[in-house]
Amino acid sequence: MSYFRSIFLTLSESKRLRAFAETSPLARRISRRFVAGTTLADVITVVKETNRLGISVTMDALGENVNTEDEARQAGKLYHEMLEKIALLKLDANVSLKLTQMGMDLGNGIAESIVAELAQHAAACQSFVRVDMEGSIYTQETIDMVERLHAPPELRGSVGIVVQAYLRRTEQDVDHLLAQGIRMRLCKGAYSEPETVAFPLKADVDRNYVKLAKKLITSGIFHGLATHDEAIIAEMKQFAKAERIDPQSFEFQMLYGIRGDLQEALVKEGYRVRVYVPFGSEWYPYFMRRLAERPANALFLAKHMFR
């Protein structure tokens, strides 16, 4: 883990700095680099603009680790509104959510009941719900819950999961999830983890990412490869061509505000691209993890501020 990555991940967990940032007009303005805005109307505007470029979207209402059942149910209600808007406006979009935002920490099956209703709603309007992966303390519980949500025949294909290449356990998890036909988004991982749990060196994470990505796109199931790494993207394009894999049978996924030029170039080459577009007032942890993933983003923002 690099020095700067470690700093940003530590800052992402600071409650004091988060409280200051999320109420600061200047900080909110800076966050717009990676966050579409604070309201559903804001994100829909961005989705429409992105769709016009031939790029799909996954919408994420930011938030995590709620403290009450009411907060969890309010979050679920917002996601129902998002699914309704996707269907009504015929947007090329789906939704991503975090289980801790839906009450996973509260127990009593609250999160599972909320997400089950969302998966049913998604299935009814031919959409899709992606369950994001959080820190490693939640990994097994998240996988178990997604397996249960995906099991009913009417929900197969309507709910998926995220897996993280930096976790040592992920190859085994991928094999297990593939056997059940569960759609995955493969990312590198953006949480602070001990070396016993995650690969500490970028080279090892990259190597594992490519290995898992090849396994996913040859599985016959539609998956997303979430990366901005041009070397990895080039290797996957070459692999897909050599293996005669239809470029429409998987998608590259990227983050809103990062490498728009690369996104558009991939679309022109015939690949499917989906952009992860978050919105909401609780943007601070997400924003800091984006800086941790790519410290060059911090330099870009510093230049923007001075301008």
Protein backbone atom coordinates (compact mmCIF):
# COMPACT_ATOMS: atom_id res chain seq x y z
CA MET A 1 0.00 0.00 0.00
CA SER A 2 1.45 3.35 -1.00
CA TYR A 3 2.04 6.14 1.47
CA PHE A 4 -0.60 8.41 -0.07
CA ARG A 5 -3.15 5.62 -0.34
CA SER A 6 -2.71 4.91 3.35
CA ILE A 7 -3.20 8.58 4.22
CA PHE A 8 -6.41 8.96 2.22
CA LEU A 9 -7.87 5.72 3.58
CA THR A 10 -7.15 6.88 7.12
CA LEU A 11 -8.77 10.25 6.40
CA SER A 12 -11.82 8.49 4.93
CA GLU A 13 -12.58 7.12 8.41
CA SER A 14 -12.31 10.47 10.22
CA LYS A 15 -15.75 11.39 11.58
CA ARG A 16 -14.65 14.94 12.45
CA LEU A 17 -13.26 15.69 9.01
CA ARG A 18 -16.28 14.08 7.40
CA ALA A 19 -18.67 16.28 9.40
CA PHE A 20 -16.74 19.38 8.35
CA ALA A 21 -16.42 18.41 4.68
CA GLU A 22 -20.05 17.44 4.15
CA THR A 23 -21.23 20.83 5.46
CA SER A 24 -18.60 22.93 3.68
CA PRO A 25 -19.71 24.67 0.46
CA LEU A 26 -16.14 24.60 -0.87
CA ALA A 27 -15.69 20.89 -0.14
CA ARG A 28 -19.05 20.07 -1.74
CA ARG A 29 -17.99 21.99 -4.83
CA ILE A 30 -14.73 20.03 -5.03
CA SER A 31 -16.59 16.73 -4.59
CA ARG A 32 -18.55 17.38 -7.78
CA ARG A 33 -15.55 16.00 -9.66
CA PHE A 34 -16.66 12.49 -8.60
CA VAL A 35 -20.22 12.98 -7.28
CA ALA A 36 -23.12 13.93 -9.55
CA GLY A 37 -24.85 16.14 -6.98
CA THR A 38 -26.99 15.76 -3.90
CA THR A 39 -30.46 14.99 -5.34
CA LEU A 40 -32.11 12.38 -7.54
CA ALA A 41 -32.78 15.12 -10.09
CA ASP A 42 -29.04 15.87 -10.20
CA VAL A 43 -28.08 12.30 -10.94
CA ILE A 44 -30.80 11.83 -13.56
CA THR A 45 -29.41 14.82 -15.47
CA VAL A 46 -25.97 13.15 -15.49
CA VAL A 47 -27.44 9.78 -16.49
CA LYS A 48 -29.17 11.32 -19.50
CA GLU A 49 -25.97 13.09 -20.58
CA THR A 50 -23.97 9.87 -20.17
CA ASN A 51 -26.52 7.76 -22.06
CA ARG A 52 -26.32 10.17 -24.99
CA LEU A 53 -22.67 9.14 -25.33
CA GLY A 54 -23.68 5.50 -25.66
CA ILE A 55 -22.56 4.73 -22.10
CA SER A 56 -24.66 2.87 -19.52
CA VAL A 57 -24.87 3.93 -15.87
CA THR A 58 -25.21 2.44 -12.43
CA MET A 59 -26.69 4.91 -9.94
CA ASP A 60 -25.61 4.93 -6.29
CA ALA A 61 -27.27 6.92 -3.51
CA LEU A 62 -24.30 7.44 -1.20
CA GLY A 63 -24.51 6.35 2.40
CA GLU A 64 -23.33 3.55 4.70
CA ASN A 65 -23.52 2.22 8.26
CA VAL A 66 -26.92 3.66 9.20
CA ASN A 67 -27.83 3.76 12.89
CA THR A 68 -31.58 3.15 12.86
CA GLU A 69 -34.13 1.04 11.03
CA ASP A 70 -35.92 4.21 9.92
CA GLU A 71 -32.74 5.43 8.19
CA ALA A 72 -32.39 2.07 6.46
CA ARG A 73 -35.98 2.11 5.24
CA GLN A 74 -35.63 5.69 4.00
CA ALA A 75 -32.60 4.59 1.99
CA GLY A 76 -34.62 1.72 0.55
CA LYS A 77 -37.43 4.10 -0.36
CA LEU A 78 -35.01 6.29 -2.31
CA TYR A 79 -33.81 3.25 -4.26
CA HIS A 80 -37.41 2.39 -5.17
CA GLU A 81 -37.76 5.94 -6.50
CA MET A 82 -34.57 5.45 -8.54
CA LEU A 83 -35.90 2.23 -10.08
CA GLU A 84 -39.20 3.95 -10.88
CA LYS A 85 -37.38 6.82 -12.64
CA ILE A 86 -35.22 4.39 -14.63
CA ALA A 87 -38.36 2.64 -15.92
CA LEU A 88 -40.41 5.81 -16.47
CA LEU A 89 -37.67 7.70 -18.32
CA LYS A 90 -36.35 4.58 -20.09
CA LEU A 91 -32.83 5.25 -18.86
CA ASP A 92 -29.97 2.90 -19.69
CA ALA A 93 -29.19 2.45 -16.01
CA ASN A 94 -29.40 0.19 -12.99
CA VAL A 95 -28.61 0.72 -9.29
CA SER A 96 -25.82 -0.13 -6.84
CA LEU A 97 -26.23 -0.16 -3.06
CA LYS A 98 -24.37 -0.91 0.16
CA LEU A 99 -25.84 -3.35 2.65
CA THR A 100 -24.73 -1.30 5.66
CA GLN A 101 -26.84 1.55 4.22
CA MET A 102 -29.79 -0.85 4.26
CA GLY A 103 -29.28 -1.78 7.92
CA MET A 104 -26.91 -4.77 7.86
CA ASP A 105 -25.31 -3.63 11.13
CA LEU A 106 -28.73 -3.55 12.83
CA GLY A 107 -29.43 -7.28 12.45
CA ASN A 108 -32.95 -8.77 12.51
CA GLY A 109 -32.89 -9.33 8.73
CA ILE A 110 -33.64 -5.67 8.06
CA ALA A 111 -31.16 -5.27 5.21
CA GLU A 112 -32.17 -8.50 3.54
CA SER A 113 -35.87 -7.66 3.59
CA ILE A 114 -35.24 -4.18 2.13
CA VAL A 115 -32.95 -5.42 -0.63
CA ALA A 116 -35.29 -8.34 -1.44
CA GLU A 117 -38.07 -5.83 -2.11
CA LEU A 118 -35.71 -3.81 -4.30
CA ALA A 119 -34.68 -6.91 -6.24
CA GLN A 120 -38.36 -7.76 -6.81
CA HIS A 121 -38.98 -4.20 -8.00
CA ALA A 122 -35.97 -4.41 -10.34
CA ALA A 123 -37.15 -7.73 -11.76
CA ALA A 124 -40.64 -6.31 -12.38
CA CYS A 125 -39.23 -3.41 -14.42
CA GLN A 126 -36.48 -5.50 -16.07
CA SER A 127 -33.71 -3.69 -14.23
CA PHE A 128 -30.91 -4.84 -11.93
CA VAL A 129 -29.61 -4.29 -8.38
CA ARG A 130 -25.88 -4.54 -7.69
CA VAL A 131 -24.80 -5.13 -4.08
CA ASP A 132 -21.50 -3.35 -3.45
CA MET A 133 -18.77 -4.99 -1.41
CA GLU A 134 -17.56 -3.12 1.67
CA GLY A 135 -14.71 -3.85 4.10
CA SER A 136 -13.59 -7.46 4.58
CA ILE A 137 -15.51 -7.83 7.85
CA TYR A 138 -18.66 -7.82 5.71
CA THR A 139 -17.47 -10.04 2.85
CA GLN A 140 -18.91 -13.40 3.90
CA GLU A 141 -22.19 -11.95 5.13
CA THR A 142 -22.59 -10.02 1.87
CA ILE A 143 -21.95 -13.11 -0.25
CA ASP A 144 -24.36 -15.21 1.83
CA MET A 145 -27.10 -12.60 1.52
CA VAL A 146 -26.69 -12.16 -2.24
CA GLU A 147 -26.86 -15.93 -2.70
CA ARG A 148 -30.18 -16.03 -0.85
CA LEU A 149 -31.54 -13.02 -2.75
CA HIS A 150 -30.54 -14.53 -6.09
CA ALA A 151 -31.93 -18.00 -5.38
CA PRO A 152 -35.66 -17.53 -6.24
CA PRO A 153 -36.16 -18.27 -9.97
CA GLU A 154 -37.98 -14.97 -10.51
CA LEU A 155 -34.97 -12.98 -9.19
CA ARG A 156 -32.18 -14.78 -11.03
CA GLY A 157 -30.33 -12.20 -13.08
CA SER A 158 -31.88 -9.28 -11.20
CA VAL A 159 -29.34 -9.10 -8.38
CA GLY A 160 -25.53 -9.19 -8.50
CA ILE A 161 -22.48 -8.54 -6.38
CA VAL A 162 -19.05 -6.87 -6.35
CA VAL A 163 -15.83 -8.82 -5.74
CA GLN A 164 -12.44 -7.28 -4.89
CA ALA A 165 -9.24 -8.49 -6.51
CA TYR A 166 -7.04 -7.37 -3.61
CA LEU A 167 -8.60 -9.89 -1.20
CA ARG A 168 -6.76 -13.19 -1.01
CA ARG A 169 -10.04 -15.12 -0.76
CA THR A 170 -11.63 -13.70 -3.91
CA GLU A 171 -10.66 -16.41 -6.40
CA GLN A 172 -12.46 -18.98 -4.29
CA ASP A 173 -15.44 -16.64 -3.94
CA VAL A 174 -15.57 -16.09 -7.71
CA ASP A 175 -15.68 -19.83 -8.38
CA HIS A 176 -18.45 -20.25 -5.81
CA LEU A 177 -20.54 -17.39 -7.24
CA LEU A 178 -20.05 -18.50 -10.85
CA ALA A 179 -21.45 -21.90 -9.98
CA GLN A 180 -24.70 -20.14 -9.05
CA GLY A 181 -24.79 -17.92 -12.14
CA ILE A 182 -24.43 -14.69 -10.17
CA ARG A 183 -23.31 -11.61 -12.09
CA MET A 184 -20.23 -9.87 -10.71
CA ARG A 185 -18.43 -6.56 -10.91
CA LEU A 186 -14.70 -7.11 -10.45
CA CYS A 187 -12.85 -4.19 -8.89
CA LYS A 188 -9.45 -3.91 -7.23
CA GLY A 189 -10.66 -2.82 -3.77
CA ALA A 190 -10.58 0.46 -1.89
CA TYR A 191 -10.56 -0.28 1.84
CA SER A 192 -7.71 -0.49 4.32
CA GLU A 193 -7.04 -4.18 4.98
CA PRO A 194 -4.26 -6.14 6.78
CA GLU A 195 -1.75 -8.11 4.71
CA THR A 196 -3.21 -11.36 6.04
CA VAL A 197 -6.45 -10.50 4.24
CA ALA A 198 -5.36 -8.50 1.17
CA PHE A 199 -2.38 -8.43 -1.18
CA PRO A 200 -0.20 -5.49 -0.08
CA LEU A 201 1.58 -4.97 -3.42
CA LYS A 202 -0.10 -3.38 -6.45
CA ALA A 203 1.62 -5.85 -8.79
CA ASP A 204 0.02 -8.78 -6.96
CA VAL A 205 -3.41 -7.12 -7.01
CA ASP A 206 -3.08 -6.42 -10.75
CA ARG A 207 -2.01 -10.00 -11.45
CA ASN A 208 -4.96 -11.38 -9.51
CA TYR A 209 -7.32 -8.93 -11.20
CA VAL A 210 -6.32 -10.10 -14.70
CA LYS A 211 -6.55 -13.76 -13.69
CA LEU A 212 -10.06 -13.29 -12.31
CA ALA A 213 -11.17 -11.07 -15.20
CA LYS A 214 -10.26 -13.77 -17.71
CA LYS A 215 -12.20 -16.31 -15.69
CA LEU A 216 -15.25 -14.04 -15.63
CA ILE A 217 -15.46 -13.14 -19.31
CA THR A 218 -15.09 -16.78 -20.37
CA SER A 219 -17.86 -17.92 -18.00
CA GLY A 220 -20.79 -17.25 -20.32
CA ILE A 221 -22.33 -14.92 -17.69
CA PHE A 222 -22.48 -11.14 -18.17
CA HIS A 223 -19.98 -9.45 -15.84
CA GLY A 224 -18.43 -6.02 -15.38
CA LEU A 225 -14.70 -5.30 -15.27
CA ALA A 226 -14.26 -2.16 -13.16
CA THR A 227 -10.88 -0.57 -13.84
CA HIS A 228 -9.25 2.56 -15.26
CA ASP A 229 -5.92 0.76 -15.70
CA GLU A 230 -5.12 1.09 -19.41
CA ALA A 231 -2.61 -1.77 -19.33
CA ILE A 232 -5.20 -4.14 -17.87
CA ILE A 233 -7.87 -2.92 -20.29
CA ALA A 234 -5.50 -3.49 -23.24
CA GLU A 235 -4.68 -7.00 -22.00
CA MET A 236 -8.35 -7.87 -21.61
CA LYS A 237 -9.17 -6.56 -25.09
CA GLN A 238 -6.36 -8.66 -26.56
CA PHE A 239 -7.50 -11.73 -24.59
CA ALA A 240 -11.13 -11.28 -25.68
CA LYS A 241 -10.06 -11.01 -29.31
CA ALA A 242 -7.80 -14.07 -29.11
CA GLU A 243 -10.56 -16.11 -27.45
CA ARG A 244 -13.20 -14.78 -29.88
CA ILE A 245 -15.28 -13.37 -27.01
CA ASP A 246 -18.05 -11.02 -28.14
CA PRO A 247 -17.17 -7.50 -26.85
CA GLN A 248 -20.88 -7.07 -26.06
CA SER A 249 -20.88 -10.09 -23.71
CA PHE A 250 -19.21 -8.15 -20.87
CA GLU A 251 -18.66 -4.51 -19.98
CA PHE A 252 -15.90 -2.25 -18.77
CA GLN A 253 -16.98 -0.17 -15.78
CA MET A 254 -15.51 3.12 -14.64
CA LEU A 255 -16.19 5.87 -12.16
CA TYR A 256 -17.93 9.14 -12.88
CA GLY A 257 -15.37 11.91 -13.30
CA ILE A 258 -12.45 9.65 -14.22
CA ARG A 259 -11.18 8.98 -17.75
CA GLY A 260 -14.18 10.09 -19.76
CA ASP A 261 -11.92 10.04 -22.82
CA LEU A 262 -11.16 6.35 -22.32
CA GLN A 263 -14.84 5.55 -21.78
CA GLU A 264 -15.84 7.14 -25.09
CA ALA A 265 -12.93 5.51 -26.94
CA LEU A 266 -14.00 2.04 -25.76
CA VAL A 267 -17.57 2.65 -26.91
CA LYS A 268 -16.31 3.66 -30.36
CA GLU A 269 -14.32 0.41 -30.49
CA GLY A 270 -17.50 -1.58 -29.91
CA TYR A 271 -17.16 -2.36 -26.20
CA ARG A 272 -19.88 -1.91 -23.63
CA VAL A 273 -19.10 0.67 -20.94
CA ARG A 274 -20.95 1.48 -17.72
CA VAL A 275 -20.18 4.43 -15.46
CA TYR A 276 -20.75 4.33 -11.70
CA VAL A 277 -22.51 7.62 -10.87
CA PRO A 278 -22.97 8.39 -7.15
CA PHE A 279 -25.01 11.20 -5.63
CA GLY A 280 -26.11 12.40 -2.22
CA SER A 281 -24.96 14.49 0.72
CA GLU A 282 -23.03 11.65 2.42
CA TRP A 283 -20.22 11.74 -0.13
CA TYR A 284 -17.09 12.13 2.01
CA PRO A 285 -16.00 8.44 2.55
CA TYR A 286 -16.58 7.66 -1.14
CA PHE A 287 -14.65 10.76 -2.23
CA MET A 288 -11.63 9.97 -0.06
CA ARG A 289 -11.51 6.37 -1.27
CA ARG A 290 -11.38 7.67 -4.85
CA LEU A 291 -8.34 9.76 -3.93
CA ALA A 292 -6.79 6.72 -2.26
CA GLU A 293 -7.28 4.61 -5.39
CA ARG A 294 -5.58 7.17 -7.60
CA PRO A 295 -3.58 9.88 -5.78
CA ALA A 296 -3.18 11.68 -9.12
CA ASN A 297 -6.81 12.71 -8.62
CA ALA A 298 -5.70 14.77 -5.62
CA LEU A 299 -3.21 16.66 -7.80
CA PHE A 300 -5.95 17.36 -10.34
CA LEU A 301 -8.22 18.75 -7.63
CA ALA A 302 -5.42 20.88 -6.15
CA LYS A 303 -4.81 22.46 -9.55
CA HIS A 304 -8.54 23.02 -9.98
CA MET A 305 -8.75 24.77 -6.59
CA PHE A 306 -5.84 27.10 -7.35
CA ARG A 307 -7.40 28.00 -10.70
